[in-house]
Amino acid sequence: MAQRPPANRSRRSPSDTTGASTSTSTRPVASFLSWPQGGGVRVDVAVVPNAKRTEAIGLHDGALRVRLAAPPVDGAANEALQRWLAGALDVPLRAVELVLGQTSRRKRLQVQADVAAVEHWLQALREAGVLEAQRQGPPTEA
């Protein structure tokens, strides 16, 4: 009996010479992450300015909720968010760009980071209990 060849599953094009895997199966999945075709990762964030310290505290409406120890004045909160994310992902500040939400509490950042760095960051968030809400199901009644 002849075996059928495997189905064509998201093969890289011959013009892709970067050597990097473009398969979405190896990319970490979280409600606040998206992976644009141009590379890097997009992070959706809901910020709470004027906090005592800068930290991720959970999820809010599909975005990562982050408290910022900076006021929302003259871009100080945006800069604090970019510095925090660059440090969390261990990338240079220039690799983090605010692409949406300059004057809003809801923001989108484009980060030039590799998949391993994002996976490591997500694991740290899970260990800190920040992403617990994402794993919980709906409340059950007795």
C-alpha atoms as a PDB file:
ATOM      1  CA  MET A   1       0.000   0.000   0.000  1.00  0.00           C
ATOM      2  CA  ALA A   2       1.469   3.359  -1.050  1.00  0.00           C
ATOM      3  CA  GLN A   3       1.770   6.076   1.554  1.00  0.00           C
ATOM      4  CA  ARG A   4       0.322   9.490   0.904  1.00  0.00           C
ATOM      5  CA  PRO A   5       2.723  12.427   1.080  1.00  0.00           C
ATOM      6  CA  PRO A   6       2.201  14.730   4.067  1.00  0.00           C
ATOM      7  CA  ALA A   7      -0.139  17.681   3.625  1.00  0.00           C
ATOM      8  CA  ASN A   8       1.432  20.969   2.614  1.00  0.00           C
ATOM      9  CA  ARG A   9       1.754  22.789   5.959  1.00  0.00           C
ATOM     10  CA  SER A  10       2.987  26.383   5.958  1.00  0.00           C
ATOM     11  CA  ARG A  11       6.294  25.802   4.232  1.00  0.00           C
ATOM     12  CA  ARG A  12       8.670  28.696   3.917  1.00  0.00           C
ATOM     13  CA  SER A  13       8.969  30.190   0.495  1.00  0.00           C
ATOM     14  CA  PRO A  14      12.229  29.607  -1.384  1.00  0.00           C
ATOM     15  CA  SER A  15      12.909  33.348  -1.144  1.00  0.00           C
ATOM     16  CA  ASP A  16      13.014  33.123   2.681  1.00  0.00           C
ATOM     17  CA  THR A  17      16.723  32.912   3.357  1.00  0.00           C
ATOM     18  CA  THR A  18      16.726  34.198   6.926  1.00  0.00           C
ATOM     19  CA  GLY A  19      16.786  30.708   8.378  1.00  0.00           C
ATOM     20  CA  ALA A  20      14.235  31.788  10.994  1.00  0.00           C
ATOM     21  CA  SER A  21      11.133  29.711  11.457  1.00  0.00           C
ATOM     22  CA  THR A  22       7.973  31.469  10.340  1.00  0.00           C
ATOM     23  CA  SER A  23       5.633  28.788  11.614  1.00  0.00           C
ATOM     24  CA  THR A  24       2.941  30.110  13.923  1.00  0.00           C
ATOM     25  CA  SER A  25       2.950  26.847  15.878  1.00  0.00           C
ATOM     26  CA  THR A  26       6.260  27.744  17.566  1.00  0.00           C
ATOM     27  CA  ARG A  27       5.169  31.225  18.578  1.00  0.00           C
ATOM     28  CA  PRO A  28       3.849  31.820  22.088  1.00  0.00           C
ATOM     29  CA  VAL A  29       0.126  32.500  22.281  1.00  0.00           C
ATOM     30  CA  ALA A  30      -1.457  35.090  24.540  1.00  0.00           C
ATOM     31  CA  SER A  31      -4.505  37.312  24.064  1.00  0.00           C
ATOM     32  CA  PHE A  32      -2.356  40.457  24.113  1.00  0.00           C
ATOM     33  CA  LEU A  33       0.232  39.290  21.536  1.00  0.00           C
ATOM     34  CA  SER A  34       0.125  39.319  17.751  1.00  0.00           C
ATOM     35  CA  TRP A  35       2.809  38.407  15.258  1.00  0.00           C
ATOM     36  CA  PRO A  36       2.905  40.699  12.194  1.00  0.00           C
ATOM     37  CA  GLN A  37       4.442  39.425   8.963  1.00  0.00           C
ATOM     38  CA  GLY A  38       7.214  42.013   9.079  1.00  0.00           C
ATOM     39  CA  GLY A  39       8.743  40.373  12.135  1.00  0.00           C
ATOM     40  CA  GLY A  40       8.787  41.067  15.836  1.00  0.00           C
ATOM     41  CA  VAL A  41       5.750  41.000  18.081  1.00  0.00           C
ATOM     42  CA  ARG A  42       2.925  43.418  18.842  1.00  0.00           C
ATOM     43  CA  VAL A  43       1.884  43.805  22.454  1.00  0.00           C
ATOM     44  CA  ASP A  44      -1.494  45.276  23.440  1.00  0.00           C
ATOM     45  CA  VAL A  45      -1.366  47.004  26.818  1.00  0.00           C
ATOM     46  CA  ALA A  46      -3.898  48.708  29.096  1.00  0.00           C
ATOM     47  CA  VAL A  47      -1.992  51.126  31.324  1.00  0.00           C
ATOM     48  CA  VAL A  48      -2.722  52.525  34.771  1.00  0.00           C
ATOM     49  CA  PRO A  49      -0.525  55.625  35.256  1.00  0.00           C
ATOM     50  CA  ASN A  50       0.567  57.204  38.557  1.00  0.00           C
ATOM     51  CA  ALA A  51       1.170  53.887  40.325  1.00  0.00           C
ATOM     52  CA  LYS A  52       3.720  53.338  43.092  1.00  0.00           C
ATOM     53  CA  ARG A  53       5.762  51.016  40.874  1.00  0.00           C
ATOM     54  CA  THR A  54       5.793  49.786  37.294  1.00  0.00           C
ATOM     55  CA  GLU A  55       4.536  46.215  37.000  1.00  0.00           C
ATOM     56  CA  ALA A  56       2.239  43.930  35.031  1.00  0.00           C
ATOM     57  CA  ILE A  57      -0.832  43.098  37.106  1.00  0.00           C
ATOM     58  CA  GLY A  58      -3.027  40.938  34.893  1.00  0.00           C
ATOM     59  CA  LEU A  59      -5.265  41.053  31.871  1.00  0.00           C
ATOM     60  CA  HIS A  60      -7.928  43.556  30.907  1.00  0.00           C
ATOM     61  CA  ASP A  61     -10.160  43.174  27.856  1.00  0.00           C
ATOM     62  CA  GLY A  62      -7.590  41.170  25.880  1.00  0.00           C
ATOM     63  CA  ALA A  63      -4.660  43.400  26.835  1.00  0.00           C
ATOM     64  CA  LEU A  64      -1.889  43.090  29.384  1.00  0.00           C
ATOM     65  CA  ARG A  65      -2.664  45.472  32.251  1.00  0.00           C
ATOM     66  CA  VAL A  66       0.419  47.396  33.420  1.00  0.00           C
ATOM     67  CA  ARG A  67       0.732  49.850  36.287  1.00  0.00           C
ATOM     68  CA  LEU A  68       3.156  52.669  35.492  1.00  0.00           C
ATOM     69  CA  ALA A  69       5.110  54.697  38.028  1.00  0.00           C
ATOM     70  CA  ALA A  70       4.880  57.756  35.810  1.00  0.00           C
ATOM     71  CA  PRO A  71       2.262  60.451  35.233  1.00  0.00           C
ATOM     72  CA  PRO A  72       0.436  60.660  31.892  1.00  0.00           C
ATOM     73  CA  VAL A  73       2.083  64.011  31.167  1.00  0.00           C
ATOM     74  CA  ASP A  74       4.422  64.943  28.301  1.00  0.00           C
ATOM     75  CA  GLY A  75       4.883  61.312  27.250  1.00  0.00           C
ATOM     76  CA  ALA A  76       6.370  60.246  30.592  1.00  0.00           C
ATOM     77  CA  ALA A  77       4.038  57.247  30.907  1.00  0.00           C
ATOM     78  CA  ASN A  78       4.742  56.168  27.322  1.00  0.00           C
ATOM     79  CA  GLU A  79       8.485  56.338  27.929  1.00  0.00           C
ATOM     80  CA  ALA A  80       8.151  54.407  31.205  1.00  0.00           C
ATOM     81  CA  LEU A  81       6.134  51.718  29.409  1.00  0.00           C
ATOM     82  CA  GLN A  82       8.694  51.411  26.624  1.00  0.00           C
ATOM     83  CA  ARG A  83      11.572  51.191  29.120  1.00  0.00           C
ATOM     84  CA  TRP A  84       9.736  48.579  31.191  1.00  0.00           C
ATOM     85  CA  LEU A  85       8.919  46.414  28.168  1.00  0.00           C
ATOM     86  CA  ALA A  86      12.457  46.697  26.780  1.00  0.00           C
ATOM     87  CA  GLY A  87      13.830  45.568  30.135  1.00  0.00           C
ATOM     88  CA  ALA A  88      11.299  42.749  30.477  1.00  0.00           C
ATOM     89  CA  LEU A  89      12.129  41.378  27.029  1.00  0.00           C
ATOM     90  CA  ASP A  90      15.855  42.140  27.345  1.00  0.00           C
ATOM     91  CA  VAL A  91      15.957  44.191  24.148  1.00  0.00           C
ATOM     92  CA  PRO A  92      17.374  47.685  23.570  1.00  0.00           C
ATOM     93  CA  LEU A  93      14.983  50.612  24.015  1.00  0.00           C
ATOM     94  CA  ARG A  94      15.196  51.358  20.292  1.00  0.00           C
ATOM     95  CA  ALA A  95      13.589  47.926  19.610  1.00  0.00           C
ATOM     96  CA  VAL A  96      10.325  49.024  21.298  1.00  0.00           C
ATOM     97  CA  GLU A  97       8.063  51.373  19.344  1.00  0.00           C
ATOM     98  CA  LEU A  98       4.716  52.773  20.443  1.00  0.00           C
ATOM     99  CA  VAL A  99       2.542  52.414  17.341  1.00  0.00           C
ATOM    100  CA  LEU A 100      -0.933  53.131  18.739  1.00  0.00           C
ATOM    101  CA  GLY A 101      -2.380  54.976  21.712  1.00  0.00           C
ATOM    102  CA  GLN A 102       0.000  57.878  22.302  1.00  0.00           C
ATOM    103  CA  THR A 103      -2.656  59.694  24.374  1.00  0.00           C
ATOM    104  CA  SER A 104      -4.798  56.739  25.375  1.00  0.00           C
ATOM    105  CA  ARG A 105      -4.681  54.217  28.221  1.00  0.00           C
ATOM    106  CA  ARG A 106      -4.917  51.449  25.625  1.00  0.00           C
ATOM    107  CA  LYS A 107      -1.658  51.089  23.699  1.00  0.00           C
ATOM    108  CA  ARG A 108      -0.028  48.860  21.099  1.00  0.00           C
ATOM    109  CA  LEU A 109       3.710  48.435  20.969  1.00  0.00           C
ATOM    110  CA  GLN A 110       5.812  46.845  18.220  1.00  0.00           C
ATOM    111  CA  VAL A 111       8.852  45.050  19.623  1.00  0.00           C
ATOM    112  CA  GLN A 112      11.741  43.597  17.649  1.00  0.00           C
ATOM    113  CA  ALA A 113      12.308  40.544  19.827  1.00  0.00           C
ATOM    114  CA  ASP A 114      12.836  36.906  19.018  1.00  0.00           C
ATOM    115  CA  VAL A 115      10.375  34.165  19.903  1.00  0.00           C
ATOM    116  CA  ALA A 116      12.601  32.775  22.671  1.00  0.00           C
ATOM    117  CA  ALA A 117      12.696  36.130  24.476  1.00  0.00           C
ATOM    118  CA  VAL A 118       8.900  36.454  24.296  1.00  0.00           C
ATOM    119  CA  GLU A 119       8.415  32.890  25.545  1.00  0.00           C
ATOM    120  CA  HIS A 120      10.807  33.531  28.445  1.00  0.00           C
ATOM    121  CA  TRP A 121       8.909  36.737  29.342  1.00  0.00           C
ATOM    122  CA  LEU A 122       5.526  34.978  29.220  1.00  0.00           C
ATOM    123  CA  GLN A 123       6.879  32.220  31.448  1.00  0.00           C
ATOM    124  CA  ALA A 124       8.061  34.834  33.965  1.00  0.00           C
ATOM    125  CA  LEU A 125       4.595  36.448  33.906  1.00  0.00           C
ATOM    126  CA  ARG A 126       2.972  33.045  34.503  1.00  0.00           C
ATOM    127  CA  GLU A 127       5.317  32.279  37.403  1.00  0.00           C
ATOM    128  CA  ALA A 128       4.523  35.665  38.945  1.00  0.00           C
ATOM    129  CA  GLY A 129       0.798  34.866  38.720  1.00  0.00           C
ATOM    130  CA  VAL A 130       0.077  37.712  36.306  1.00  0.00           C
ATOM    131  CA  LEU A 131      -1.454  35.449  33.652  1.00  0.00           C
ATOM    132  CA  GLU A 132      -3.487  33.284  36.038  1.00  0.00           C
ATOM    133  CA  ALA A 133      -6.735  34.913  34.917  1.00  0.00           C
ATOM    134  CA  GLN A 134      -6.079  33.699  31.386  1.00  0.00           C
ATOM    135  CA  ARG A 135      -6.049  30.051  32.514  1.00  0.00           C
ATOM    136  CA  GLN A 136      -9.148  30.183  34.688  1.00  0.00           C
ATOM    137  CA  GLY A 137     -12.503  29.137  33.306  1.00  0.00           C
ATOM    138  CA  PRO A 138     -15.876  30.631  34.102  1.00  0.00           C
ATOM    139  CA  PRO A 139     -17.016  30.362  37.713  1.00  0.00           C
ATOM    140  CA  THR A 140     -18.950  27.231  38.508  1.00  0.00           C
ATOM    141  CA  GLU A 141     -22.072  27.117  40.630  1.00  0.00           C
ATOM    142  CA  ALA A 142     -22.477  24.536  43.365  1.00  0.00           C
END
